[in-house]
Amino acid sequence: MQAKYKLNAQVEFVVGFRSPPGRFRVIRELPPERGEPSYRVKSEQEAFERVARESELRGL
């Protein structure tokens, strides 16, 4: 499956349970998780990075 988001793309989490608010930047593409692309993302408001599957994100 082709990755939808590229390096430095601005994304946010789809609204739902445990969805952190705000904008995130794609830091790195990761190997697929559960058959879909995964990413390491970083918010300017947080000191740590998060891992998200493509279905958990939407572009800005």
N, C-alpha and C. Protein backbone atom coordinates (compact mmCIF):
# COMPACT_ATOMS: atom_id res chain seq x y z
N MET A 1 0.84 -1.18 0.00
CA MET A 1 0.00 0.00 0.00
C MET A 1 0.89 1.24 0.00
N GLN A 2 0.57 2.18 -0.87
CA GLN A 2 1.33 3.43 -1.00
C GLN A 2 1.01 4.36 0.17
N ALA A 3 2.02 4.98 0.74
CA ALA A 3 1.83 5.92 1.85
C ALA A 3 1.17 7.20 1.34
N LYS A 4 0.20 7.70 2.07
CA LYS A 4 -0.54 8.89 1.69
C LYS A 4 0.20 10.18 2.08
N TYR A 5 0.90 10.16 3.21
CA TYR A 5 1.56 11.35 3.73
C TYR A 5 3.07 11.26 3.55
N LYS A 6 3.66 12.35 3.17
CA LYS A 6 5.10 12.41 2.94
C LYS A 6 5.79 13.10 4.12
N LEU A 7 7.09 13.04 4.15
CA LEU A 7 7.90 13.67 5.17
C LEU A 7 7.55 15.15 5.28
N ASN A 8 7.39 15.64 6.51
CA ASN A 8 7.06 17.02 6.85
C ASN A 8 5.61 17.42 6.56
N ALA A 9 4.75 16.49 6.16
CA ALA A 9 3.34 16.80 5.94
C ALA A 9 2.70 17.19 7.27
N GLN A 10 1.76 18.15 7.22
CA GLN A 10 1.01 18.56 8.40
C GLN A 10 -0.26 17.71 8.48
N VAL A 11 -0.47 17.08 9.63
CA VAL A 11 -1.62 16.20 9.83
C VAL A 11 -2.23 16.46 11.21
N GLU A 12 -3.41 15.93 11.42
CA GLU A 12 -4.02 15.91 12.74
C GLU A 12 -4.68 14.56 12.92
N PHE A 13 -4.91 14.18 14.17
CA PHE A 13 -5.56 12.91 14.44
C PHE A 13 -7.05 13.02 14.17
N VAL A 14 -7.64 11.97 13.63
CA VAL A 14 -9.07 11.90 13.44
C VAL A 14 -9.71 11.92 14.82
N VAL A 15 -10.79 12.66 14.97
CA VAL A 15 -11.45 12.79 16.27
C VAL A 15 -11.96 11.43 16.73
N GLY A 16 -11.66 11.10 17.96
CA GLY A 16 -12.10 9.84 18.54
C GLY A 16 -11.47 9.64 19.90
N PHE A 17 -11.73 8.53 20.48
CA PHE A 17 -11.19 8.20 21.79
C PHE A 17 -9.67 8.24 21.77
N ARG A 18 -9.08 8.94 22.72
CA ARG A 18 -7.64 9.04 22.89
C ARG A 18 -6.95 9.78 21.73
N SER A 19 -7.66 10.64 21.03
CA SER A 19 -7.06 11.41 19.95
C SER A 19 -6.50 12.71 20.50
N PRO A 20 -5.19 12.90 20.42
CA PRO A 20 -4.60 14.15 20.91
C PRO A 20 -4.95 15.30 19.97
N PRO A 21 -5.26 16.47 20.52
CA PRO A 21 -5.60 17.62 19.68
C PRO A 21 -4.36 18.29 19.08
N GLY A 22 -4.57 19.06 18.05
CA GLY A 22 -3.50 19.88 17.50
C GLY A 22 -2.91 19.33 16.21
N ARG A 23 -1.98 20.13 15.68
CA ARG A 23 -1.27 19.77 14.44
C ARG A 23 -0.03 18.97 14.75
N PHE A 24 0.25 18.04 13.86
CA PHE A 24 1.44 17.20 13.97
C PHE A 24 2.17 17.23 12.64
N ARG A 25 3.46 17.01 12.67
CA ARG A 25 4.29 16.95 11.47
C ARG A 25 4.80 15.53 11.31
N VAL A 26 4.73 14.99 10.11
CA VAL A 26 5.24 13.65 9.84
C VAL A 26 6.77 13.70 9.88
N ILE A 27 7.34 12.93 10.79
CA ILE A 27 8.80 12.89 10.99
C ILE A 27 9.42 11.78 10.15
N ARG A 28 8.71 10.64 10.07
CA ARG A 28 9.26 9.48 9.39
C ARG A 28 8.15 8.51 9.01
N GLU A 29 8.31 7.85 7.88
CA GLU A 29 7.41 6.77 7.50
C GLU A 29 7.95 5.49 8.12
N LEU A 30 7.07 4.69 8.69
CA LEU A 30 7.45 3.44 9.35
C LEU A 30 6.94 2.25 8.55
N PRO A 31 7.42 1.06 8.85
CA PRO A 31 6.88 -0.14 8.19
C PRO A 31 5.38 -0.25 8.45
N PRO A 32 4.63 -0.84 7.53
CA PRO A 32 3.18 -0.98 7.70
C PRO A 32 2.84 -1.71 9.01
N GLU A 33 1.75 -1.25 9.61
CA GLU A 33 1.22 -1.88 10.82
C GLU A 33 -0.20 -2.32 10.53
N ARG A 34 -0.50 -3.58 10.71
CA ARG A 34 -1.81 -4.15 10.40
C ARG A 34 -2.20 -3.91 8.95
N GLY A 35 -1.21 -3.94 8.07
CA GLY A 35 -1.47 -3.81 6.65
C GLY A 35 -1.66 -2.41 6.13
N GLU A 36 -1.42 -1.39 6.94
CA GLU A 36 -1.55 -0.01 6.47
C GLU A 36 -0.32 0.80 6.86
N PRO A 37 -0.01 1.85 6.09
CA PRO A 37 1.17 2.67 6.40
C PRO A 37 1.10 3.26 7.80
N SER A 38 2.25 3.39 8.42
CA SER A 38 2.36 3.99 9.75
C SER A 38 3.40 5.10 9.71
N TYR A 39 3.28 6.03 10.65
CA TYR A 39 4.14 7.20 10.66
C TYR A 39 4.57 7.54 12.08
N ARG A 40 5.72 8.18 12.18
CA ARG A 40 6.14 8.81 13.43
C ARG A 40 5.82 10.29 13.26
N VAL A 41 5.02 10.85 14.19
CA VAL A 41 4.59 12.24 14.09
C VAL A 41 4.99 13.00 15.34
N LYS A 42 5.13 14.31 15.22
CA LYS A 42 5.59 15.16 16.33
C LYS A 42 4.77 16.43 16.35
N SER A 43 4.33 16.81 17.54
CA SER A 43 3.62 18.06 17.77
C SER A 43 4.61 19.08 18.32
N GLU A 44 4.41 20.35 17.99
CA GLU A 44 5.26 21.40 18.56
C GLU A 44 5.00 21.59 20.05
N GLN A 45 3.82 21.18 20.53
CA GLN A 45 3.46 21.36 21.93
C GLN A 45 3.93 20.22 22.84
N GLU A 46 4.43 19.14 22.26
CA GLU A 46 4.85 17.99 23.06
C GLU A 46 6.34 17.72 22.87
N ALA A 47 6.97 17.21 23.89
CA ALA A 47 8.41 16.93 23.84
C ALA A 47 8.71 15.55 23.24
N PHE A 48 7.69 14.76 22.98
CA PHE A 48 7.90 13.39 22.50
C PHE A 48 7.20 13.19 21.16
N GLU A 49 7.56 12.11 20.49
CA GLU A 49 6.96 11.73 19.21
C GLU A 49 5.91 10.65 19.44
N ARG A 50 5.00 10.53 18.50
CA ARG A 50 3.95 9.51 18.56
C ARG A 50 4.02 8.66 17.30
N VAL A 51 3.45 7.46 17.38
CA VAL A 51 3.33 6.58 16.21
C VAL A 51 1.84 6.49 15.89
N ALA A 52 1.50 6.65 14.60
CA ALA A 52 0.10 6.61 14.19
C ALA A 52 -0.04 5.84 12.88
N ARG A 53 -1.13 5.09 12.76
CA ARG A 53 -1.47 4.46 11.49
C ARG A 53 -2.17 5.49 10.60
N GLU A 54 -2.11 5.28 9.31
CA GLU A 54 -2.68 6.23 8.36
C GLU A 54 -4.16 6.49 8.60
N SER A 55 -4.92 5.48 8.98
CA SER A 55 -6.35 5.65 9.22
C SER A 55 -6.65 6.53 10.43
N GLU A 56 -5.65 6.77 11.28
CA GLU A 56 -5.84 7.62 12.45
C GLU A 56 -5.55 9.10 12.17
N LEU A 57 -5.12 9.41 10.95
CA LEU A 57 -4.71 10.77 10.60
C LEU A 57 -5.52 11.33 9.45
N ARG A 58 -5.52 12.67 9.38
CA ARG A 58 -6.05 13.36 8.20
C ARG A 58 -5.16 14.56 7.91
N GLY A 59 -5.02 14.86 6.64
CA GLY A 59 -4.16 15.96 6.23
C GLY A 59 -4.78 17.31 6.50
N LEU A 60 -3.93 18.31 6.59
CA LEU A 60 -4.39 19.69 6.79
C LEU A 60 -4.15 20.52 5.55
